[in-house]
Amino acid sequence: MAAAKVAVTLDERLLREVDRWVADGDYPNRSKAIQDAIVRLRDARLRQHSLLAELAKLDPAEERALAEEVFEAETPWPTS
């Protein structure tokens, strides 16, 4: 995939953190560190969106009934 240069403004604290990642050898340069951070953020948001879509499919009444069924089947908590 072709790459394009862009200008990004970061606060000094965040830039020091990116530079530390590069100095520690986690990334070869600032560009790769920032690219990786963006990809990770995008992937996390996609996973979150997928999870929310799946949760929206659940029937609350059915889930409550299943939870109560499991709760009733559990061994009572010892009192002494």
N, C-alpha and C. Protein backbone atom coordinates (compact mmCIF):
# COMPACT_ATOMS: atom_id res chain seq x y z
N MET A 1 0.85 -1.17 0.00
CA MET A 1 0.00 0.00 0.00
C MET A 1 0.90 1.24 0.00
N ALA A 2 0.50 2.23 -0.75
CA ALA A 2 1.26 3.47 -0.82
C ALA A 2 1.13 4.24 0.49
N ALA A 3 2.18 4.91 0.85
CA ALA A 3 2.17 5.71 2.08
C ALA A 3 2.16 7.19 1.71
N ALA A 4 1.58 7.99 2.59
CA ALA A 4 1.55 9.44 2.40
C ALA A 4 2.06 10.10 3.66
N LYS A 5 2.76 11.19 3.49
CA LYS A 5 3.25 11.94 4.65
C LYS A 5 2.15 12.88 5.13
N VAL A 6 2.03 12.96 6.46
CA VAL A 6 1.09 13.90 7.07
C VAL A 6 1.79 14.57 8.24
N ALA A 7 1.34 15.75 8.57
CA ALA A 7 1.87 16.44 9.74
C ALA A 7 0.94 16.15 10.91
N VAL A 8 1.52 15.78 12.04
CA VAL A 8 0.74 15.47 13.23
C VAL A 8 1.29 16.31 14.37
N THR A 9 0.41 16.92 15.13
CA THR A 9 0.83 17.70 16.29
C THR A 9 0.51 16.91 17.54
N LEU A 10 1.53 16.69 18.37
CA LEU A 10 1.37 15.96 19.62
C LEU A 10 1.80 16.84 20.77
N ASP A 11 1.16 16.66 21.92
CA ASP A 11 1.66 17.40 23.08
C ASP A 11 3.01 16.81 23.48
N GLU A 12 3.80 17.61 24.19
CA GLU A 12 5.19 17.22 24.49
C GLU A 12 5.28 15.93 25.28
N ARG A 13 4.36 15.72 26.22
CA ARG A 13 4.40 14.50 27.02
C ARG A 13 4.21 13.26 26.16
N LEU A 14 3.23 13.31 25.26
CA LEU A 14 2.98 12.19 24.37
C LEU A 14 4.16 11.96 23.42
N LEU A 15 4.74 13.02 22.92
CA LEU A 15 5.90 12.89 22.04
C LEU A 15 7.07 12.25 22.78
N ARG A 16 7.28 12.62 24.04
CA ARG A 16 8.36 11.99 24.83
C ARG A 16 8.09 10.50 24.99
N GLU A 17 6.82 10.13 25.16
CA GLU A 17 6.49 8.72 25.30
C GLU A 17 6.78 7.98 23.99
N VAL A 18 6.39 8.56 22.87
CA VAL A 18 6.69 7.94 21.57
C VAL A 18 8.20 7.81 21.39
N ASP A 19 8.93 8.86 21.73
CA ASP A 19 10.39 8.80 21.61
C ASP A 19 10.99 7.73 22.53
N ARG A 20 10.39 7.52 23.68
CA ARG A 20 10.87 6.47 24.59
C ARG A 20 10.65 5.09 23.97
N TRP A 21 9.51 4.90 23.31
CA TRP A 21 9.26 3.62 22.63
C TRP A 21 10.34 3.36 21.58
N VAL A 22 10.71 4.41 20.86
CA VAL A 22 11.74 4.28 19.82
C VAL A 22 13.10 4.01 20.48
N ALA A 23 13.43 4.77 21.52
CA ALA A 23 14.71 4.58 22.22
C ALA A 23 14.82 3.19 22.84
N ASP A 24 13.69 2.66 23.34
CA ASP A 24 13.69 1.33 23.95
C ASP A 24 13.74 0.21 22.91
N GLY A 25 13.64 0.58 21.64
CA GLY A 25 13.70 -0.41 20.58
C GLY A 25 12.36 -1.06 20.26
N ASP A 26 11.27 -0.52 20.83
CA ASP A 26 9.94 -1.07 20.54
C ASP A 26 9.54 -0.78 19.10
N TYR A 27 10.00 0.34 18.58
CA TYR A 27 9.71 0.75 17.20
C TYR A 27 10.97 1.32 16.58
N PRO A 28 11.11 1.20 15.25
CA PRO A 28 12.31 1.73 14.60
C PRO A 28 12.31 3.25 14.49
N ASN A 29 11.10 3.86 14.51
CA ASN A 29 11.01 5.32 14.38
C ASN A 29 9.64 5.81 14.84
N ARG A 30 9.50 7.11 14.93
CA ARG A 30 8.23 7.71 15.38
C ARG A 30 7.07 7.32 14.47
N SER A 31 7.33 7.33 13.18
CA SER A 31 6.28 7.05 12.22
C SER A 31 5.66 5.67 12.45
N LYS A 32 6.51 4.66 12.62
CA LYS A 32 6.01 3.30 12.85
C LYS A 32 5.26 3.21 14.18
N ALA A 33 5.72 3.92 15.20
CA ALA A 33 5.06 3.91 16.49
C ALA A 33 3.65 4.50 16.38
N ILE A 34 3.53 5.61 15.70
CA ILE A 34 2.24 6.26 15.56
C ILE A 34 1.31 5.44 14.66
N GLN A 35 1.86 4.86 13.59
CA GLN A 35 1.06 3.98 12.73
C GLN A 35 0.48 2.82 13.55
N ASP A 36 1.32 2.19 14.36
CA ASP A 36 0.88 1.06 15.16
C ASP A 36 -0.20 1.48 16.15
N ALA A 37 -0.03 2.64 16.77
CA ALA A 37 -1.03 3.12 17.72
C ALA A 37 -2.38 3.34 17.04
N ILE A 38 -2.36 3.89 15.84
CA ILE A 38 -3.60 4.13 15.11
C ILE A 38 -4.26 2.81 14.72
N VAL A 39 -3.47 1.87 14.24
CA VAL A 39 -4.02 0.56 13.86
C VAL A 39 -4.63 -0.14 15.07
N ARG A 40 -3.92 -0.10 16.21
CA ARG A 40 -4.45 -0.73 17.42
C ARG A 40 -5.76 -0.07 17.87
N LEU A 41 -5.83 1.24 17.79
CA LEU A 41 -7.06 1.95 18.16
C LEU A 41 -8.20 1.57 17.22
N ARG A 42 -7.91 1.55 15.92
CA ARG A 42 -8.94 1.17 14.95
C ARG A 42 -9.45 -0.25 15.22
N ASP A 43 -8.51 -1.19 15.44
CA ASP A 43 -8.91 -2.58 15.69
C ASP A 43 -9.73 -2.71 16.98
N ALA A 44 -9.35 -1.98 18.01
CA ALA A 44 -10.10 -2.02 19.27
C ALA A 44 -11.52 -1.49 19.07
N ARG A 45 -11.65 -0.43 18.30
CA ARG A 45 -12.98 0.12 18.04
C ARG A 45 -13.83 -0.84 17.20
N LEU A 46 -13.21 -1.51 16.25
CA LEU A 46 -13.95 -2.49 15.45
C LEU A 46 -14.43 -3.65 16.32
N ARG A 47 -13.55 -4.13 17.23
CA ARG A 47 -13.95 -5.21 18.13
C ARG A 47 -15.09 -4.75 19.04
N GLN A 48 -14.98 -3.53 19.55
CA GLN A 48 -16.02 -3.00 20.42
C GLN A 48 -17.35 -2.89 19.66
N HIS A 49 -17.29 -2.42 18.43
CA HIS A 49 -18.50 -2.28 17.62
C HIS A 49 -19.12 -3.65 17.38
N SER A 50 -18.29 -4.66 17.08
CA SER A 50 -18.80 -6.02 16.86
C SER A 50 -19.45 -6.56 18.13
N LEU A 51 -18.81 -6.34 19.26
CA LEU A 51 -19.36 -6.82 20.53
C LEU A 51 -20.70 -6.14 20.82
N LEU A 52 -20.76 -4.84 20.62
CA LEU A 52 -22.02 -4.13 20.86
C LEU A 52 -23.12 -4.62 19.93
N ALA A 53 -22.78 -4.91 18.68
CA ALA A 53 -23.76 -5.43 17.74
C ALA A 53 -24.29 -6.79 18.20
N GLU A 54 -23.38 -7.64 18.69
CA GLU A 54 -23.80 -8.96 19.18
C GLU A 54 -24.65 -8.83 20.45
N LEU A 55 -24.26 -7.93 21.35
CA LEU A 55 -25.04 -7.73 22.57
C LEU A 55 -26.43 -7.22 22.27
N ALA A 56 -26.56 -6.40 21.23
CA ALA A 56 -27.87 -5.86 20.87
C ALA A 56 -28.82 -6.97 20.42
N LYS A 57 -28.28 -8.09 19.97
CA LYS A 57 -29.11 -9.21 19.51
C LYS A 57 -29.69 -10.03 20.67
N LEU A 58 -29.14 -9.86 21.87
CA LEU A 58 -29.59 -10.66 23.00
C LEU A 58 -30.96 -10.22 23.49
N ASP A 59 -31.73 -11.19 23.96
CA ASP A 59 -33.05 -10.93 24.54
C ASP A 59 -32.87 -10.81 26.05
N PRO A 60 -33.08 -9.62 26.62
CA PRO A 60 -32.86 -9.43 28.06
C PRO A 60 -33.63 -10.41 28.94
N ALA A 61 -34.87 -10.70 28.58
CA ALA A 61 -35.68 -11.63 29.39
C ALA A 61 -35.09 -13.03 29.36
N GLU A 62 -34.64 -13.46 28.20
CA GLU A 62 -34.02 -14.78 28.09
C GLU A 62 -32.71 -14.86 28.87
N GLU A 63 -31.92 -13.81 28.78
CA GLU A 63 -30.64 -13.79 29.52
C GLU A 63 -30.88 -13.80 31.03
N ARG A 64 -31.89 -13.07 31.49
CA ARG A 64 -32.21 -13.05 32.92
C ARG A 64 -32.66 -14.45 33.38
N ALA A 65 -33.49 -15.11 32.57
CA ALA A 65 -33.96 -16.45 32.91
C ALA A 65 -32.78 -17.42 33.00
N LEU A 66 -31.85 -17.33 32.06
CA LEU A 66 -30.68 -18.21 32.10
C LEU A 66 -29.84 -17.94 33.34
N ALA A 67 -29.65 -16.67 33.68
CA ALA A 67 -28.85 -16.32 34.85
C ALA A 67 -29.52 -16.83 36.12
N GLU A 68 -30.81 -16.68 36.22
CA GLU A 68 -31.52 -17.15 37.41
C GLU A 68 -31.48 -18.67 37.51
N GLU A 69 -31.53 -19.35 36.37
CA GLU A 69 -31.45 -20.81 36.36
C GLU A 69 -30.10 -21.28 36.90
N VAL A 70 -29.04 -20.64 36.46
CA VAL A 70 -27.69 -20.99 36.94
C VAL A 70 -27.56 -20.65 38.41
N PHE A 71 -28.07 -19.50 38.83
CA PHE A 71 -27.98 -19.07 40.22
C PHE A 71 -28.68 -20.06 41.15
N GLU A 72 -29.84 -20.53 40.75
CA GLU A 72 -30.60 -21.47 41.57
C GLU A 72 -29.90 -22.82 41.67
N ALA A 73 -29.13 -23.20 40.68
CA ALA A 73 -28.47 -24.49 40.67
C ALA A 73 -27.17 -24.50 41.49
N GLU A 74 -26.67 -23.34 41.87
CA GLU A 74 -25.42 -23.25 42.60
C GLU A 74 -25.58 -23.75 44.03
N THR A 75 -24.49 -24.24 44.57
CA THR A 75 -24.46 -24.70 45.97
C THR A 75 -24.53 -23.47 46.88
N PRO A 76 -25.34 -23.51 47.90
CA PRO A 76 -25.42 -22.34 48.80
C PRO A 76 -24.07 -22.03 49.43
N TRP A 77 -23.86 -20.78 49.73
CA TRP A 77 -22.63 -20.31 50.36
C TRP A 77 -22.60 -20.79 51.80
N PRO A 78 -21.47 -21.37 52.24
CA PRO A 78 -21.41 -21.84 53.64
C PRO A 78 -21.54 -20.67 54.62
N THR A 79 -22.30 -20.90 55.69
CA THR A 79 -22.53 -19.83 56.68
C THR A 79 -21.55 -19.89 57.85
N SER A 80 -20.84 -20.98 58.02
CA SER A 80 -19.90 -21.01 59.14
C SER A 80 -18.57 -21.57 58.73
